[in-house]
Amino acid sequence: MKQQIDCLVAPNASGEYRKARQALYDAEKNLMQQVERVAQMRRDLPEGPEVPDYEFIGADGPVRLSQLFEAGREPYLVMYHVMYWADDDEFCPMCSGWIDGLNAIAPHVRQRVNFVAASQAPPETLQSWARARGWNRMPILSDVGTDLADAISARDEDGDPVATVAVFSKNGTLRHVYTMHASEGDNTVHGIDLLNPVWHVFDLTPAGRGDVNLRNDYMTVPS
């Protein structure tokens, strides 16, 4: 048995367990290497197309895409687009869960790149939800119109929202760098799973992530 898994196996583990754990270790190492290869491919994408200077409404009023790039950071902006339905009284629980976590790490992310959350929700509705959830460490913005949402496919042909992450750059010109969605078509491509550690914690257990869906009532913001 390879020595590399000795520190990962509890004493008195059976030979069957050790063999299976070795196979899993090898698969985990291969996965890590594949993730690194994919990340390099993402970095190596050709220059993206130019985009308009989209307008948003934030907590302090109107703001343009170009104004979201702050000095002292890499010239990139990561945007998570939160799903919202006009006939609902709350936002997507899954997206809300994503932003709960992203808000916590935003100060660290924003040391290097610009980082915001946006939504098609009306400004007052979005800001009220942000306050209720405690989203206070990153800009929370409402799109003006539907141009941005349509351009990054953050809403489908019926006008319904689609969970989306998009990356933009500003190096003299505003450009679209990258877009990915939570799922594609048959739901087998979990395109933004890397942004949510909740699933990865579940995946550490024999129960896995299963069909669990997050719920908004799990979140309590200290008063």
C-alpha atoms as a PDB file:
ATOM      1  CA  MET A   1       0.000   0.000   0.000  1.00  0.00           C
ATOM      2  CA  LYS A   2       1.353   3.437  -0.892  1.00  0.00           C
ATOM      3  CA  GLN A   3       2.635   5.501   2.033  1.00  0.00           C
ATOM      4  CA  GLN A   4       0.922   8.659   0.773  1.00  0.00           C
ATOM      5  CA  ILE A   5      -2.447   7.741   2.305  1.00  0.00           C
ATOM      6  CA  ASP A   6      -1.191   6.662   5.725  1.00  0.00           C
ATOM      7  CA  CYS A   7      -1.995  10.055   7.224  1.00  0.00           C
ATOM      8  CA  LEU A   8      -5.508   9.864   5.740  1.00  0.00           C
ATOM      9  CA  VAL A   9      -6.522   6.469   7.118  1.00  0.00           C
ATOM     10  CA  ALA A  10      -7.544   5.899  10.727  1.00  0.00           C
ATOM     11  CA  PRO A  11      -5.821   3.115  12.673  1.00  0.00           C
ATOM     12  CA  ASN A  12      -7.304  -0.356  12.334  1.00  0.00           C
ATOM     13  CA  ALA A  13      -8.893   0.413   8.958  1.00  0.00           C
ATOM     14  CA  SER A  14      -9.548  -2.713   6.933  1.00  0.00           C
ATOM     15  CA  GLY A  15      -7.554  -3.614   3.867  1.00  0.00           C
ATOM     16  CA  GLU A  16     -10.698  -3.116   1.802  1.00  0.00           C
ATOM     17  CA  TYR A  17     -11.062   0.442   3.134  1.00  0.00           C
ATOM     18  CA  ARG A  18      -7.380   1.247   2.523  1.00  0.00           C
ATOM     19  CA  LYS A  19      -7.571  -0.005  -1.050  1.00  0.00           C
ATOM     20  CA  ALA A  20     -10.689   2.048  -1.766  1.00  0.00           C
ATOM     21  CA  ARG A  21      -9.188   5.099  -0.068  1.00  0.00           C
ATOM     22  CA  GLN A  22      -6.054   4.788  -2.222  1.00  0.00           C
ATOM     23  CA  ALA A  23      -8.185   4.702  -5.372  1.00  0.00           C
ATOM     24  CA  LEU A  24     -10.100   7.745  -4.155  1.00  0.00           C
ATOM     25  CA  TYR A  25      -6.847   9.568  -3.337  1.00  0.00           C
ATOM     26  CA  ASP A  26      -5.585   8.956  -6.870  1.00  0.00           C
ATOM     27  CA  ALA A  27      -8.881  10.210  -8.314  1.00  0.00           C
ATOM     28  CA  GLU A  28      -8.802  13.315  -6.088  1.00  0.00           C
ATOM     29  CA  LYS A  29      -5.277  14.103  -7.220  1.00  0.00           C
ATOM     30  CA  ASN A  30      -6.264  13.692 -10.869  1.00  0.00           C
ATOM     31  CA  LEU A  31      -9.278  15.945 -10.304  1.00  0.00           C
ATOM     32  CA  MET A  32      -7.087  18.644  -8.755  1.00  0.00           C
ATOM     33  CA  GLN A  33      -4.772  18.521 -11.745  1.00  0.00           C
ATOM     34  CA  GLN A  34      -7.724  18.714 -14.133  1.00  0.00           C
ATOM     35  CA  VAL A  35      -9.147  21.714 -12.257  1.00  0.00           C
ATOM     36  CA  GLU A  36      -5.785  23.435 -12.641  1.00  0.00           C
ATOM     37  CA  ARG A  37      -5.706  22.655 -16.375  1.00  0.00           C
ATOM     38  CA  VAL A  38      -9.226  24.045 -16.844  1.00  0.00           C
ATOM     39  CA  ALA A  39      -8.327  27.179 -14.880  1.00  0.00           C
ATOM     40  CA  GLN A  40      -5.372  27.720 -17.201  1.00  0.00           C
ATOM     41  CA  MET A  41      -7.642  27.337 -20.241  1.00  0.00           C
ATOM     42  CA  ARG A  42      -9.941  29.949 -18.732  1.00  0.00           C
ATOM     43  CA  ARG A  43      -7.008  32.321 -18.257  1.00  0.00           C
ATOM     44  CA  ASP A  44      -5.860  31.677 -21.830  1.00  0.00           C
ATOM     45  CA  LEU A  45      -9.157  32.672 -23.473  1.00  0.00           C
ATOM     46  CA  PRO A  46      -8.685  35.193 -26.301  1.00  0.00           C
ATOM     47  CA  GLU A  47      -9.689  38.798 -25.719  1.00  0.00           C
ATOM     48  CA  GLY A  48     -13.452  39.053 -25.287  1.00  0.00           C
ATOM     49  CA  PRO A  49     -15.825  41.356 -27.180  1.00  0.00           C
ATOM     50  CA  GLU A  50     -16.406  44.987 -26.271  1.00  0.00           C
ATOM     51  CA  VAL A  51     -19.469  45.702 -24.137  1.00  0.00           C
ATOM     52  CA  PRO A  52     -21.466  48.885 -23.445  1.00  0.00           C
ATOM     53  CA  ASP A  53     -20.968  50.858 -20.266  1.00  0.00           C
ATOM     54  CA  TYR A  54     -24.007  49.286 -18.620  1.00  0.00           C
ATOM     55  CA  GLU A  55     -25.924  51.270 -16.013  1.00  0.00           C
ATOM     56  CA  PHE A  56     -26.954  50.038 -12.569  1.00  0.00           C
ATOM     57  CA  ILE A  57     -28.670  51.400  -9.484  1.00  0.00           C
ATOM     58  CA  GLY A  58     -26.807  50.759  -6.257  1.00  0.00           C
ATOM     59  CA  ALA A  59     -27.398  51.715  -2.640  1.00  0.00           C
ATOM     60  CA  ASP A  60     -26.051  55.197  -3.389  1.00  0.00           C
ATOM     61  CA  GLY A  61     -27.766  55.698  -6.744  1.00  0.00           C
ATOM     62  CA  PRO A  62     -26.816  55.233 -10.414  1.00  0.00           C
ATOM     63  CA  VAL A  63     -23.443  53.742 -11.300  1.00  0.00           C
ATOM     64  CA  ARG A  64     -21.892  52.632 -14.583  1.00  0.00           C
ATOM     65  CA  LEU A  65     -20.000  49.414 -15.245  1.00  0.00           C
ATOM     66  CA  SER A  66     -16.831  51.421 -15.843  1.00  0.00           C
ATOM     67  CA  GLN A  67     -17.137  52.954 -12.367  1.00  0.00           C
ATOM     68  CA  LEU A  68     -17.076  49.547 -10.689  1.00  0.00           C
ATOM     69  CA  PHE A  69     -13.381  49.091 -11.493  1.00  0.00           C
ATOM     70  CA  GLU A  70     -11.403  50.562  -8.617  1.00  0.00           C
ATOM     71  CA  ALA A  71      -7.766  51.618  -8.637  1.00  0.00           C
ATOM     72  CA  GLY A  72      -5.243  49.314  -7.010  1.00  0.00           C
ATOM     73  CA  ARG A  73      -6.943  46.117  -8.216  1.00  0.00           C
ATOM     74  CA  GLU A  74      -6.515  43.923 -11.259  1.00  0.00           C
ATOM     75  CA  PRO A  75      -8.660  45.330 -14.114  1.00  0.00           C
ATOM     76  CA  TYR A  76     -11.319  42.640 -13.763  1.00  0.00           C
ATOM     77  CA  LEU A  77     -14.840  42.589 -12.371  1.00  0.00           C
ATOM     78  CA  VAL A  78     -16.586  39.416 -11.215  1.00  0.00           C
ATOM     79  CA  MET A  79     -20.375  39.687 -11.117  1.00  0.00           C
ATOM     80  CA  TYR A  80     -22.858  37.203  -9.694  1.00  0.00           C
ATOM     81  CA  HIS A  81     -26.360  37.743 -11.097  1.00  0.00           C
ATOM     82  CA  VAL A  82     -29.018  36.894  -8.506  1.00  0.00           C
ATOM     83  CA  MET A  83     -32.270  35.306  -9.688  1.00  0.00           C
ATOM     84  CA  TYR A  84     -35.478  37.235  -8.948  1.00  0.00           C
ATOM     85  CA  TRP A  85     -39.083  36.736 -10.043  1.00  0.00           C
ATOM     86  CA  ALA A  86     -41.323  39.803 -10.026  1.00  0.00           C
ATOM     87  CA  ASP A  87     -44.293  37.815  -8.680  1.00  0.00           C
ATOM     88  CA  ASP A  88     -42.352  36.449  -5.683  1.00  0.00           C
ATOM     89  CA  ASP A  89     -41.748  38.133  -2.349  1.00  0.00           C
ATOM     90  CA  GLU A  90     -38.231  36.762  -1.920  1.00  0.00           C
ATOM     91  CA  PHE A  91     -35.160  36.002  -3.997  1.00  0.00           C
ATOM     92  CA  CYS A  92     -33.916  32.616  -5.168  1.00  0.00           C
ATOM     93  CA  PRO A  93     -32.835  30.691  -2.033  1.00  0.00           C
ATOM     94  CA  MET A  94     -29.937  29.081  -3.892  1.00  0.00           C
ATOM     95  CA  CYS A  95     -28.613  32.413  -5.188  1.00  0.00           C
ATOM     96  CA  SER A  96     -29.149  33.954  -1.765  1.00  0.00           C
ATOM     97  CA  GLY A  97     -27.091  31.158  -0.252  1.00  0.00           C
ATOM     98  CA  TRP A  98     -24.342  31.798  -2.770  1.00  0.00           C
ATOM     99  CA  ILE A  99     -24.228  35.525  -1.921  1.00  0.00           C
ATOM    100  CA  ASP A 100     -24.358  34.838   1.830  1.00  0.00           C
ATOM    101  CA  GLY A 101     -21.055  33.013   1.406  1.00  0.00           C
ATOM    102  CA  LEU A 102     -19.562  35.351  -1.172  1.00  0.00           C
ATOM    103  CA  ASN A 103     -20.371  38.371   0.987  1.00  0.00           C
ATOM    104  CA  ALA A 104     -18.298  36.816   3.780  1.00  0.00           C
ATOM    105  CA  ILE A 105     -15.196  36.452   1.591  1.00  0.00           C
ATOM    106  CA  ALA A 106     -15.728  39.646  -0.443  1.00  0.00           C
ATOM    107  CA  PRO A 107     -13.115  41.694   1.467  1.00  0.00           C
ATOM    108  CA  HIS A 108     -10.494  39.092   0.575  1.00  0.00           C
ATOM    109  CA  VAL A 109     -11.570  38.819  -3.069  1.00  0.00           C
ATOM    110  CA  ARG A 110     -11.709  42.591  -3.438  1.00  0.00           C
ATOM    111  CA  GLN A 111      -8.080  42.919  -2.388  1.00  0.00           C
ATOM    112  CA  ARG A 112      -7.290  41.754  -5.914  1.00  0.00           C
ATOM    113  CA  VAL A 113     -10.308  42.039  -8.217  1.00  0.00           C
ATOM    114  CA  ASN A 114     -13.589  43.940  -8.269  1.00  0.00           C
ATOM    115  CA  PHE A 115     -16.565  41.926  -7.066  1.00  0.00           C
ATOM    116  CA  VAL A 116     -20.308  42.732  -7.159  1.00  0.00           C
ATOM    117  CA  ALA A 117     -23.743  41.134  -7.105  1.00  0.00           C
ATOM    118  CA  ALA A 118     -26.435  42.283  -9.533  1.00  0.00           C
ATOM    119  CA  SER A 119     -30.066  41.435 -10.206  1.00  0.00           C
ATOM    120  CA  GLN A 120     -33.015  42.369 -12.376  1.00  0.00           C
ATOM    121  CA  ALA A 121     -34.952  43.149  -9.183  1.00  0.00           C
ATOM    122  CA  PRO A 122     -36.156  46.734  -8.578  1.00  0.00           C
ATOM    123  CA  PRO A 123     -33.550  48.750  -6.637  1.00  0.00           C
ATOM    124  CA  GLU A 124     -35.619  49.198  -3.481  1.00  0.00           C
ATOM    125  CA  THR A 125     -36.569  45.512  -3.423  1.00  0.00           C
ATOM    126  CA  LEU A 126     -32.986  44.378  -3.906  1.00  0.00           C
ATOM    127  CA  GLN A 127     -31.530  46.740  -1.315  1.00  0.00           C
ATOM    128  CA  SER A 128     -34.158  45.709   1.234  1.00  0.00           C
ATOM    129  CA  TRP A 129     -33.308  42.042   0.659  1.00  0.00           C
ATOM    130  CA  ALA A 130     -29.589  42.801   0.906  1.00  0.00           C
ATOM    131  CA  ARG A 131     -30.082  44.508   4.261  1.00  0.00           C
ATOM    132  CA  ALA A 132     -32.172  41.606   5.541  1.00  0.00           C
ATOM    133  CA  ARG A 133     -29.470  39.119   4.519  1.00  0.00           C
ATOM    134  CA  GLY A 134     -26.583  41.222   5.793  1.00  0.00           C
ATOM    135  CA  TRP A 135     -24.953  41.688   2.371  1.00  0.00           C
ATOM    136  CA  ASN A 136     -22.716  44.574   3.338  1.00  0.00           C
ATOM    137  CA  ARG A 137     -19.262  43.771   2.019  1.00  0.00           C
ATOM    138  CA  MET A 138     -19.762  44.112  -1.729  1.00  0.00           C
ATOM    139  CA  PRO A 139     -21.782  46.375  -4.039  1.00  0.00           C
ATOM    140  CA  ILE A 140     -25.342  45.129  -4.617  1.00  0.00           C
ATOM    141  CA  LEU A 141     -26.711  46.499  -7.901  1.00  0.00           C
ATOM    142  CA  SER A 142     -29.948  46.504  -9.888  1.00  0.00           C
ATOM    143  CA  ASP A 143     -29.657  46.344 -13.672  1.00  0.00           C
ATOM    144  CA  VAL A 144     -31.179  49.237 -15.575  1.00  0.00           C
ATOM    145  CA  GLY A 145     -33.174  47.702 -18.408  1.00  0.00           C
ATOM    146  CA  THR A 146     -32.538  44.197 -19.730  1.00  0.00           C
ATOM    147  CA  ASP A 147     -29.512  44.704 -21.999  1.00  0.00           C
ATOM    148  CA  LEU A 148     -26.963  43.261 -19.579  1.00  0.00           C
ATOM    149  CA  ALA A 149     -29.146  40.334 -18.496  1.00  0.00           C
ATOM    150  CA  ASP A 150     -29.816  39.446 -22.130  1.00  0.00           C
ATOM    151  CA  ALA A 151     -26.169  39.831 -23.134  1.00  0.00           C
ATOM    152  CA  ILE A 152     -24.930  37.378 -20.478  1.00  0.00           C
ATOM    153  CA  SER A 153     -28.030  35.147 -20.707  1.00  0.00           C
ATOM    154  CA  ALA A 154     -28.986  35.940 -17.114  1.00  0.00           C
ATOM    155  CA  ARG A 155     -32.582  35.587 -18.254  1.00  0.00           C
ATOM    156  CA  ASP A 156     -34.038  33.092 -20.705  1.00  0.00           C
ATOM    157  CA  GLU A 157     -36.254  33.552 -23.752  1.00  0.00           C
ATOM    158  CA  ASP A 158     -39.318  33.732 -21.498  1.00  0.00           C
ATOM    159  CA  GLY A 159     -37.756  36.476 -19.379  1.00  0.00           C
ATOM    160  CA  ASP A 160     -37.176  34.186 -16.397  1.00  0.00           C
ATOM    161  CA  PRO A 161     -33.904  34.628 -14.459  1.00  0.00           C
ATOM    162  CA  VAL A 162     -30.932  32.315 -14.837  1.00  0.00           C
ATOM    163  CA  ALA A 163     -28.222  32.003 -12.167  1.00  0.00           C
ATOM    164  CA  THR A 164     -25.146  33.491 -13.782  1.00  0.00           C
ATOM    165  CA  VAL A 165     -21.605  34.571 -13.048  1.00  0.00           C
ATOM    166  CA  ALA A 166     -19.865  36.916 -15.478  1.00  0.00           C
ATOM    167  CA  VAL A 167     -16.423  38.478 -15.675  1.00  0.00           C
ATOM    168  CA  PHE A 168     -15.599  41.797 -17.338  1.00  0.00           C
ATOM    169  CA  SER A 169     -12.337  43.622 -17.944  1.00  0.00           C
ATOM    170  CA  LYS A 170     -11.389  47.256 -18.304  1.00  0.00           C
ATOM    171  CA  ASN A 171      -8.105  48.065 -19.937  1.00  0.00           C
ATOM    172  CA  GLY A 172      -9.043  51.179 -21.838  1.00  0.00           C
ATOM    173  CA  THR A 173     -12.015  49.243 -23.241  1.00  0.00           C
ATOM    174  CA  LEU A 174     -14.798  47.423 -21.417  1.00  0.00           C
ATOM    175  CA  ARG A 175     -14.867  43.780 -22.457  1.00  0.00           C
ATOM    176  CA  HIS A 176     -16.724  40.584 -21.621  1.00  0.00           C
ATOM    177  CA  VAL A 177     -14.261  37.946 -20.419  1.00  0.00           C
ATOM    178  CA  TYR A 178     -16.306  34.949 -19.276  1.00  0.00           C
ATOM    179  CA  THR A 179     -19.813  33.774 -18.411  1.00  0.00           C
ATOM    180  CA  MET A 180     -21.072  30.572 -16.813  1.00  0.00           C
ATOM    181  CA  HIS A 181     -24.431  29.422 -15.459  1.00  0.00           C
ATOM    182  CA  ALA A 182     -25.443  27.108 -12.645  1.00  0.00           C
ATOM    183  CA  SER A 183     -26.573  24.478 -15.141  1.00  0.00           C
ATOM    184  CA  GLU A 184     -26.766  23.968 -18.871  1.00  0.00           C
ATOM    185  CA  GLY A 185     -29.654  22.255 -20.603  1.00  0.00           C
ATOM    186  CA  ASP A 186     -29.816  18.829 -19.010  1.00  0.00           C
ATOM    187  CA  ASN A 187     -28.511  20.150 -15.662  1.00  0.00           C
ATOM    188  CA  THR A 188     -25.423  17.947 -15.779  1.00  0.00           C
ATOM    189  CA  VAL A 189     -22.999  20.882 -16.011  1.00  0.00           C
ATOM    190  CA  HIS A 190     -22.743  22.423 -12.554  1.00  0.00           C
ATOM    191  CA  GLY A 191     -21.024  25.445 -13.993  1.00  0.00           C
ATOM    192  CA  ILE A 192     -20.651  27.618 -10.900  1.00  0.00           C
ATOM    193  CA  ASP A 193     -20.331  24.957  -8.201  1.00  0.00           C
ATOM    194  CA  LEU A 194     -16.795  26.126  -7.484  1.00  0.00           C
ATOM    195  CA  LEU A 195     -18.281  29.327  -6.028  1.00  0.00           C
ATOM    196  CA  ASN A 196     -20.315  27.507  -3.377  1.00  0.00           C
ATOM    197  CA  PRO A 197     -18.438  25.588  -0.667  1.00  0.00           C
ATOM    198  CA  VAL A 198     -21.744  24.249   0.721  1.00  0.00           C
ATOM    199  CA  TRP A 199     -21.928  21.556  -1.957  1.00  0.00           C
ATOM    200  CA  HIS A 200     -18.306  20.562  -1.418  1.00  0.00           C
ATOM    201  CA  VAL A 201     -18.872  20.138   2.316  1.00  0.00           C
ATOM    202  CA  PHE A 202     -21.859  17.873   1.580  1.00  0.00           C
ATOM    203  CA  ASP A 203     -19.735  15.915  -0.914  1.00  0.00           C
ATOM    204  CA  LEU A 204     -17.263  15.028   1.845  1.00  0.00           C
ATOM    205  CA  THR A 205     -19.913  12.861   3.509  1.00  0.00           C
ATOM    206  CA  PRO A 206     -21.393   9.513   2.402  1.00  0.00           C
ATOM    207  CA  ALA A 207     -24.780  11.266   2.062  1.00  0.00           C
ATOM    208  CA  GLY A 208     -23.418  13.599  -0.613  1.00  0.00           C
ATOM    209  CA  ARG A 209     -25.280  16.686  -1.772  1.00  0.00           C
ATOM    210  CA  GLY A 210     -28.352  14.705  -2.855  1.00  0.00           C
ATOM    211  CA  ASP A 211     -31.316  16.776  -3.983  1.00  0.00           C
ATOM    212  CA  VAL A 212     -31.047  19.272  -1.132  1.00  0.00           C
ATOM    213  CA  ASN A 213     -32.186  22.805  -1.859  1.00  0.00           C
ATOM    214  CA  LEU A 214     -31.252  25.737   0.307  1.00  0.00           C
ATOM    215  CA  ARG A 215     -33.993  27.648   2.117  1.00  0.00           C
ATOM    216  CA  ASN A 216     -34.111  31.340   2.874  1.00  0.00           C
ATOM    217  CA  ASP A 217     -35.478  30.796   6.372  1.00  0.00           C
ATOM    218  CA  TYR A 218     -32.224  29.181   7.449  1.00  0.00           C
ATOM    219  CA  MET A 219     -30.549  32.576   7.382  1.00  0.00           C
ATOM    220  CA  THR A 220     -30.737  34.801  10.443  1.00  0.00           C
ATOM    221  CA  VAL A 221     -28.950  38.148  10.433  1.00  0.00           C
ATOM    222  CA  PRO A 222     -27.904  39.361  13.914  1.00  0.00           C
ATOM    223  CA  SER A 223     -29.688  42.551  14.879  1.00  0.00           C
END
